[in-house]
């Protein structure tokens, strides 16, 4: 399920099947209240405030129905994004449709294997929301992380990089000063740069100042 377009096609095919009578009689729309896909996208089916037609006899009037796009073959193990999407749908139905706190599997009220072993085990465990994953750092963030903290008195090639970046940012420096030593003139230029950027003015080139020098913040 790497291509989200397949999810869209699947939802549309389920809707067509339901409306064509594939569940014994034609439905007015897809039978589910909402549909969750493994890319953390949520489709609104019948939506909040409307009786679904997917829970089985006697169950629809008391429950909403959230379909998770997981199968009995192929994609059978729900990923974190799918679980997030299911809970995003549940949160939406609670906020806009008065849904209660209980989350149950289809098989809890109807003779079916739905929602499948792995997903049902998650439901039985209390449907915990997976931990949010931090996005991978960008190339620029990774670069800045490797740069050292520079202060007055430091020497080396990183100071030289800072020197010419200050010149490129129009912070004039005496052309006679050593471009590999962090001097008082450099400190003054850094303070001016920090003040203009609205960050802490301390004359030290660290994680907040390097991005400004490099123009990636």
C-alpha atoms as a PDB file:
ATOM      1  CA  UNK A   1       0.000   0.000   0.000  1.00  0.00           C
ATOM      2  CA  UNK A   2       2.697   2.481  -0.982  1.00  0.00           C
ATOM      3  CA  UNK A   3       0.536   4.339  -3.522  1.00  0.00           C
ATOM      4  CA  UNK A   4      -2.275   6.403  -1.981  1.00  0.00           C
ATOM      5  CA  UNK A   5      -4.119   6.375  -5.309  1.00  0.00           C
ATOM      6  CA  UNK A   6      -4.890   2.703  -4.695  1.00  0.00           C
ATOM      7  CA  UNK A   7      -6.639   3.679  -1.461  1.00  0.00           C
ATOM      8  CA  UNK A   8      -8.801   6.198  -3.317  1.00  0.00           C
ATOM      9  CA  UNK A   9      -9.685   3.618  -5.959  1.00  0.00           C
ATOM     10  CA  UNK A  10     -10.527   1.039  -3.279  1.00  0.00           C
ATOM     11  CA  UNK A  11     -12.810   3.406  -1.384  1.00  0.00           C
ATOM     12  CA  UNK A  12     -14.616   4.342  -4.590  1.00  0.00           C
ATOM     13  CA  UNK A  13     -15.022   0.669  -5.542  1.00  0.00           C
ATOM     14  CA  UNK A  14     -16.501  -0.129  -2.114  1.00  0.00           C
ATOM     15  CA  UNK A  15     -18.889   2.793  -2.474  1.00  0.00           C
ATOM     16  CA  UNK A  16     -19.989   1.607  -5.926  1.00  0.00           C
ATOM     17  CA  UNK A  17     -20.455  -1.942  -4.656  1.00  0.00           C
ATOM     18  CA  UNK A  18     -22.578  -0.822  -1.715  1.00  0.00           C
ATOM     19  CA  UNK A  19     -24.751   1.436  -3.866  1.00  0.00           C
ATOM     20  CA  UNK A  20     -25.179  -1.305  -6.491  1.00  0.00           C
ATOM     21  CA  UNK A  21     -26.586  -3.762  -3.941  1.00  0.00           C
ATOM     22  CA  UNK A  22     -23.476  -5.794  -3.215  1.00  0.00           C
ATOM     23  CA  UNK A  23     -24.632  -6.133   0.395  1.00  0.00           C
ATOM     24  CA  UNK A  24     -28.032  -7.721  -0.392  1.00  0.00           C
ATOM     25  CA  UNK A  25     -29.739  -4.394  -1.047  1.00  0.00           C
ATOM     26  CA  UNK A  26     -28.601  -1.091  -2.535  1.00  0.00           C
ATOM     27  CA  UNK A  27     -27.320   1.460  -0.025  1.00  0.00           C
ATOM     28  CA  UNK A  28     -27.762   5.201  -0.381  1.00  0.00           C
ATOM     29  CA  UNK A  29     -23.997   5.611  -0.046  1.00  0.00           C
ATOM     30  CA  UNK A  30     -20.982   3.717   1.223  1.00  0.00           C
ATOM     31  CA  UNK A  31     -22.005   1.882   4.376  1.00  0.00           C
ATOM     32  CA  UNK A  32     -19.240   3.224   6.620  1.00  0.00           C
ATOM     33  CA  UNK A  33     -19.187   6.437   8.608  1.00  0.00           C
ATOM     34  CA  UNK A  34     -15.534   7.001   7.769  1.00  0.00           C
ATOM     35  CA  UNK A  35     -12.659   5.135   6.114  1.00  0.00           C
ATOM     36  CA  UNK A  36      -9.037   5.153   7.307  1.00  0.00           C
ATOM     37  CA  UNK A  37      -6.085   4.313   5.061  1.00  0.00           C
ATOM     38  CA  UNK A  38      -2.448   3.353   5.752  1.00  0.00           C
ATOM     39  CA  UNK A  39      -1.197   6.792   4.681  1.00  0.00           C
ATOM     40  CA  UNK A  40      -2.955   8.482   7.617  1.00  0.00           C
ATOM     41  CA  UNK A  41      -5.698   9.818   5.391  1.00  0.00           C
ATOM     42  CA  UNK A  42      -9.344   9.707   6.424  1.00  0.00           C
ATOM     43  CA  UNK A  43     -12.264   9.604   4.002  1.00  0.00           C
ATOM     44  CA  UNK A  44     -15.673  10.816   5.165  1.00  0.00           C
ATOM     45  CA  UNK A  45     -18.325   8.278   4.216  1.00  0.00           C
ATOM     46  CA  UNK A  46     -21.757   8.840   5.711  1.00  0.00           C
ATOM     47  CA  UNK A  47     -20.115  11.027   8.299  1.00  0.00           C
ATOM     48  CA  UNK A  48     -21.264  12.050  11.781  1.00  0.00           C
ATOM     49  CA  UNK A  49     -24.963  12.168  12.605  1.00  0.00           C
ATOM     50  CA  UNK A  50     -25.988   9.515  10.070  1.00  0.00           C
ATOM     51  CA  UNK A  51     -26.762   5.852  10.681  1.00  0.00           C
ATOM     52  CA  UNK A  52     -24.221   3.548   9.011  1.00  0.00           C
ATOM     53  CA  UNK A  53     -25.120   0.296   7.290  1.00  0.00           C
ATOM     54  CA  UNK A  54     -21.966  -1.679   8.013  1.00  0.00           C
ATOM     55  CA  UNK A  55     -22.315  -2.990  11.551  1.00  0.00           C
ATOM     56  CA  UNK A  56     -24.953  -5.693  11.150  1.00  0.00           C
ATOM     57  CA  UNK A  57     -28.596  -5.988  12.248  1.00  0.00           C
ATOM     58  CA  UNK A  58     -29.462  -4.038  15.382  1.00  0.00           C
ATOM     59  CA  UNK A  59     -26.028  -2.436  15.731  1.00  0.00           C
ATOM     60  CA  UNK A  60     -26.116   0.494  13.326  1.00  0.00           C
ATOM     61  CA  UNK A  61     -28.348   2.780  15.370  1.00  0.00           C
ATOM     62  CA  UNK A  62     -25.960   2.712  18.344  1.00  0.00           C
ATOM     63  CA  UNK A  63     -22.560   2.712  16.674  1.00  0.00           C
ATOM     64  CA  UNK A  64     -20.555   4.501  14.042  1.00  0.00           C
ATOM     65  CA  UNK A  65     -18.513   2.389  11.616  1.00  0.00           C
ATOM     66  CA  UNK A  66     -14.883   3.192  10.764  1.00  0.00           C
ATOM     67  CA  UNK A  67     -13.402   1.014   8.033  1.00  0.00           C
ATOM     68  CA  UNK A  68      -9.648   0.427   8.190  1.00  0.00           C
ATOM     69  CA  UNK A  69      -8.147  -0.491   4.825  1.00  0.00           C
ATOM     70  CA  UNK A  70      -6.444  -3.711   5.873  1.00  0.00           C
ATOM     71  CA  UNK A  71      -7.096  -7.070   4.228  1.00  0.00           C
ATOM     72  CA  UNK A  72      -7.077 -10.784   4.890  1.00  0.00           C
ATOM     73  CA  UNK A  73      -4.183 -11.138   2.406  1.00  0.00           C
ATOM     74  CA  UNK A  74      -1.435  -8.797   1.311  1.00  0.00           C
ATOM     75  CA  UNK A  75      -1.563  -5.810   3.640  1.00  0.00           C
ATOM     76  CA  UNK A  76      -2.748  -7.599   6.802  1.00  0.00           C
ATOM     77  CA  UNK A  77      -0.619  -5.982   9.517  1.00  0.00           C
ATOM     78  CA  UNK A  78      -1.808  -2.428  10.200  1.00  0.00           C
ATOM     79  CA  UNK A  79       0.987   0.121  10.201  1.00  0.00           C
ATOM     80  CA  UNK A  80       1.181   3.030  12.612  1.00  0.00           C
ATOM     81  CA  UNK A  81      -0.207   5.456  10.051  1.00  0.00           C
ATOM     82  CA  UNK A  82      -3.357   3.353   9.643  1.00  0.00           C
ATOM     83  CA  UNK A  83      -3.858   3.154  13.412  1.00  0.00           C
ATOM     84  CA  UNK A  84      -3.412   6.917  13.673  1.00  0.00           C
ATOM     85  CA  UNK A  85      -5.966   7.381  10.888  1.00  0.00           C
ATOM     86  CA  UNK A  86      -8.514   5.156  12.653  1.00  0.00           C
ATOM     87  CA  UNK A  87      -8.110   7.164  15.848  1.00  0.00           C
ATOM     88  CA  UNK A  88      -8.219  10.452  13.916  1.00  0.00           C
ATOM     89  CA  UNK A  89     -11.581   9.308  12.525  1.00  0.00           C
ATOM     90  CA  UNK A  90     -12.789   8.310  15.985  1.00  0.00           C
ATOM     91  CA  UNK A  91     -11.737  11.689  17.397  1.00  0.00           C
ATOM     92  CA  UNK A  92     -13.615  13.434  14.585  1.00  0.00           C
ATOM     93  CA  UNK A  93     -16.773  11.416  15.269  1.00  0.00           C
ATOM     94  CA  UNK A  94     -16.509  12.196  18.964  1.00  0.00           C
ATOM     95  CA  UNK A  95     -16.110  15.914  18.318  1.00  0.00           C
ATOM     96  CA  UNK A  96     -18.713  16.256  15.587  1.00  0.00           C
ATOM     97  CA  UNK A  97     -21.025  13.290  16.078  1.00  0.00           C
ATOM     98  CA  UNK A  98     -21.231  12.647  19.810  1.00  0.00           C
ATOM     99  CA  UNK A  99     -19.468   9.259  19.625  1.00  0.00           C
ATOM    100  CA  UNK A 100     -18.710   7.613  22.969  1.00  0.00           C
ATOM    101  CA  UNK A 101     -15.425   6.442  24.421  1.00  0.00           C
ATOM    102  CA  UNK A 102     -15.788   2.764  23.592  1.00  0.00           C
ATOM    103  CA  UNK A 103     -14.022   1.287  20.567  1.00  0.00           C
ATOM    104  CA  UNK A 104     -15.078  -2.180  19.475  1.00  0.00           C
ATOM    105  CA  UNK A 105     -14.322  -4.518  16.608  1.00  0.00           C
ATOM    106  CA  UNK A 106     -16.997  -5.568  14.137  1.00  0.00           C
ATOM    107  CA  UNK A 107     -16.845  -9.137  15.412  1.00  0.00           C
ATOM    108  CA  UNK A 108     -17.853  -7.971  18.899  1.00  0.00           C
ATOM    109  CA  UNK A 109     -21.438  -7.682  17.729  1.00  0.00           C
ATOM    110  CA  UNK A 110     -21.700  -9.677  14.521  1.00  0.00           C
ATOM    111  CA  UNK A 111     -20.567 -13.093  13.283  1.00  0.00           C
ATOM    112  CA  UNK A 112     -17.580 -12.069  11.165  1.00  0.00           C
ATOM    113  CA  UNK A 113     -13.798 -12.293  11.152  1.00  0.00           C
ATOM    114  CA  UNK A 114     -13.640  -8.515  10.659  1.00  0.00           C
ATOM    115  CA  UNK A 115     -11.479  -6.605  11.515  1.00  0.00           C
ATOM    116  CA  UNK A 116      -8.854  -9.371  11.199  1.00  0.00           C
ATOM    117  CA  UNK A 117      -6.538 -10.780  13.834  1.00  0.00           C
ATOM    118  CA  UNK A 118      -3.805  -8.102  14.086  1.00  0.00           C
ATOM    119  CA  UNK A 119      -6.195  -5.133  14.011  1.00  0.00           C
ATOM    120  CA  UNK A 120      -8.631  -6.785  16.420  1.00  0.00           C
ATOM    121  CA  UNK A 121      -5.780  -7.505  18.859  1.00  0.00           C
ATOM    122  CA  UNK A 122      -5.005  -3.770  18.822  1.00  0.00           C
ATOM    123  CA  UNK A 123      -8.668  -2.979  19.531  1.00  0.00           C
ATOM    124  CA  UNK A 124      -8.731  -5.478  22.399  1.00  0.00           C
ATOM    125  CA  UNK A 125      -5.585  -3.858  23.813  1.00  0.00           C
ATOM    126  CA  UNK A 126      -7.483  -0.578  24.147  1.00  0.00           C
ATOM    127  CA  UNK A 127      -6.667   0.903  20.721  1.00  0.00           C
ATOM    128  CA  UNK A 128      -3.564   2.816  21.925  1.00  0.00           C
ATOM    129  CA  UNK A 129      -2.327   5.588  19.694  1.00  0.00           C
ATOM    130  CA  UNK A 130       1.169   4.821  18.350  1.00  0.00           C
ATOM    131  CA  UNK A 131       3.999   7.133  19.314  1.00  0.00           C
ATOM    132  CA  UNK A 132       4.374  10.012  16.888  1.00  0.00           C
ATOM    133  CA  UNK A 133       7.505   9.664  14.785  1.00  0.00           C
ATOM    134  CA  UNK A 134       9.815  12.627  14.496  1.00  0.00           C
ATOM    135  CA  UNK A 135      10.412  13.596  10.876  1.00  0.00           C
ATOM    136  CA  UNK A 136      13.841  12.789   9.529  1.00  0.00           C
ATOM    137  CA  UNK A 137      16.156  15.817   9.704  1.00  0.00           C
ATOM    138  CA  UNK A 138      16.597  17.745   6.502  1.00  0.00           C
ATOM    139  CA  UNK A 139      20.004  17.979   4.866  1.00  0.00           C
ATOM    140  CA  UNK A 140      20.328  21.525   6.209  1.00  0.00           C
ATOM    141  CA  UNK A 141      19.415  20.449   9.754  1.00  0.00           C
ATOM    142  CA  UNK A 142      21.931  17.607   9.592  1.00  0.00           C
ATOM    143  CA  UNK A 143      24.596  20.040   8.377  1.00  0.00           C
ATOM    144  CA  UNK A 144      23.948  22.538  11.171  1.00  0.00           C
ATOM    145  CA  UNK A 145      24.025  19.758  13.770  1.00  0.00           C
ATOM    146  CA  UNK A 146      27.589  18.924  12.734  1.00  0.00           C
ATOM    147  CA  UNK A 147      28.834  22.489  12.966  1.00  0.00           C
ATOM    148  CA  UNK A 148      30.666  23.464  16.171  1.00  0.00           C
ATOM    149  CA  UNK A 149      29.747  26.245  18.580  1.00  0.00           C
ATOM    150  CA  UNK A 150      32.143  29.138  17.973  1.00  0.00           C
ATOM    151  CA  UNK A 151      33.070  31.937  20.357  1.00  0.00           C
ATOM    152  CA  UNK A 152      35.713  34.617  20.674  1.00  0.00           C
ATOM    153  CA  UNK A 153      39.195  33.118  20.684  1.00  0.00           C
ATOM    154  CA  UNK A 154      38.357  30.014  18.658  1.00  0.00           C
ATOM    155  CA  UNK A 155      40.474  29.199  15.605  1.00  0.00           C
ATOM    156  CA  UNK A 156      40.177  27.026  12.517  1.00  0.00           C
ATOM    157  CA  UNK A 157      38.420  26.448   9.224  1.00  0.00           C
ATOM    158  CA  UNK A 158      34.948  26.741  10.765  1.00  0.00           C
ATOM    159  CA  UNK A 159      35.870  30.258  11.899  1.00  0.00           C
ATOM    160  CA  UNK A 160      36.949  31.010   8.345  1.00  0.00           C
ATOM    161  CA  UNK A 161      33.554  29.805   7.101  1.00  0.00           C
ATOM    162  CA  UNK A 162      31.847  32.099   9.622  1.00  0.00           C
ATOM    163  CA  UNK A 163      34.117  35.011   8.591  1.00  0.00           C
ATOM    164  CA  UNK A 164      33.124  34.881   4.929  1.00  0.00           C
ATOM    165  CA  UNK A 165      29.466  34.239   5.690  1.00  0.00           C
ATOM    166  CA  UNK A 166      29.447  37.419   7.780  1.00  0.00           C
ATOM    167  CA  UNK A 167      30.979  39.286   4.844  1.00  0.00           C
ATOM    168  CA  UNK A 168      28.341  37.794   2.532  1.00  0.00           C
ATOM    169  CA  UNK A 169      25.617  39.024   4.923  1.00  0.00           C
ATOM    170  CA  UNK A 170      27.039  42.578   4.648  1.00  0.00           C
ATOM    171  CA  UNK A 171      28.577  42.687   8.113  1.00  0.00           C
ATOM    172  CA  UNK A 172      31.746  44.605   7.247  1.00  0.00           C
ATOM    173  CA  UNK A 173      34.954  43.314   8.774  1.00  0.00           C
ATOM    174  CA  UNK A 174      38.425  44.789   8.742  1.00  0.00           C
ATOM    175  CA  UNK A 175      40.163  43.059   5.798  1.00  0.00           C
ATOM    176  CA  UNK A 176      43.366  42.936   7.839  1.00  0.00           C
ATOM    177  CA  UNK A 177      42.013  40.658  10.589  1.00  0.00           C
ATOM    178  CA  UNK A 178      42.844  36.965  10.649  1.00  0.00           C
ATOM    179  CA  UNK A 179      39.999  35.088   8.956  1.00  0.00           C
ATOM    180  CA  UNK A 180      40.738  31.919  10.933  1.00  0.00           C
ATOM    181  CA  UNK A 181      40.598  33.479  14.420  1.00  0.00           C
ATOM    182  CA  UNK A 182      37.342  34.526  16.135  1.00  0.00           C
ATOM    183  CA  UNK A 183      38.125  38.141  17.024  1.00  0.00           C
ATOM    184  CA  UNK A 184      36.252  40.940  18.788  1.00  0.00           C
ATOM    185  CA  UNK A 185      35.299  42.254  15.336  1.00  0.00           C
ATOM    186  CA  UNK A 186      33.716  38.903  14.498  1.00  0.00           C
ATOM    187  CA  UNK A 187      31.876  38.910  17.818  1.00  0.00           C
ATOM    188  CA  UNK A 188      30.492  42.380  17.075  1.00  0.00           C
ATOM    189  CA  UNK A 189      29.356  41.227  13.620  1.00  0.00           C
ATOM    190  CA  UNK A 190      27.681  38.137  15.061  1.00  0.00           C
ATOM    191  CA  UNK A 191      25.845  40.256  17.632  1.00  0.00           C
ATOM    192  CA  UNK A 192      24.550  42.515  14.864  1.00  0.00           C
ATOM    193  CA  UNK A 193      23.403  39.517  12.850  1.00  0.00           C
ATOM    194  CA  UNK A 194      21.636  38.021  15.859  1.00  0.00           C
ATOM    195  CA  UNK A 195      19.876  41.274  16.705  1.00  0.00           C
ATOM    196  CA  UNK A 196      18.640  41.648  13.127  1.00  0.00           C
ATOM    197  CA  UNK A 197      17.374  38.047  13.129  1.00  0.00           C
ATOM    198  CA  UNK A 198      15.560  38.425  16.447  1.00  0.00           C
ATOM    199  CA  UNK A 199      17.468  35.648  18.188  1.00  0.00           C
ATOM    200  CA  UNK A 200      19.471  35.676  21.417  1.00  0.00           C
ATOM    201  CA  UNK A 201      22.288  38.231  21.151  1.00  0.00           C
ATOM    202  CA  UNK A 202      25.318  36.612  22.771  1.00  0.00           C
ATOM    203  CA  UNK A 203      28.033  36.866  20.117  1.00  0.00           C
ATOM    204  CA  UNK A 204      28.308  33.062  19.980  1.00  0.00           C
ATOM    205  CA  UNK A 205      27.724  31.109  16.776  1.00  0.00           C
ATOM    206  CA  UNK A 206      25.666  28.081  17.774  1.00  0.00           C
ATOM    207  CA  UNK A 207      22.607  26.085  16.621  1.00  0.00           C
ATOM    208  CA  UNK A 208      20.404  29.190  16.374  1.00  0.00           C
ATOM    209  CA  UNK A 209      22.975  31.400  14.606  1.00  0.00           C
ATOM    210  CA  UNK A 210      24.441  29.022  12.029  1.00  0.00           C
ATOM    211  CA  UNK A 211      21.103  28.700  10.138  1.00  0.00           C
ATOM    212  CA  UNK A 212      20.908  32.502   9.902  1.00  0.00           C
ATOM    213  CA  UNK A 213      24.451  32.705   8.585  1.00  0.00           C
ATOM    214  CA  UNK A 214      23.699  29.953   6.090  1.00  0.00           C
ATOM    215  CA  UNK A 215      20.306  31.485   5.195  1.00  0.00           C
ATOM    216  CA  UNK A 216      18.360  28.334   5.929  1.00  0.00           C
ATOM    217  CA  UNK A 217      16.298  29.915   8.716  1.00  0.00           C
END
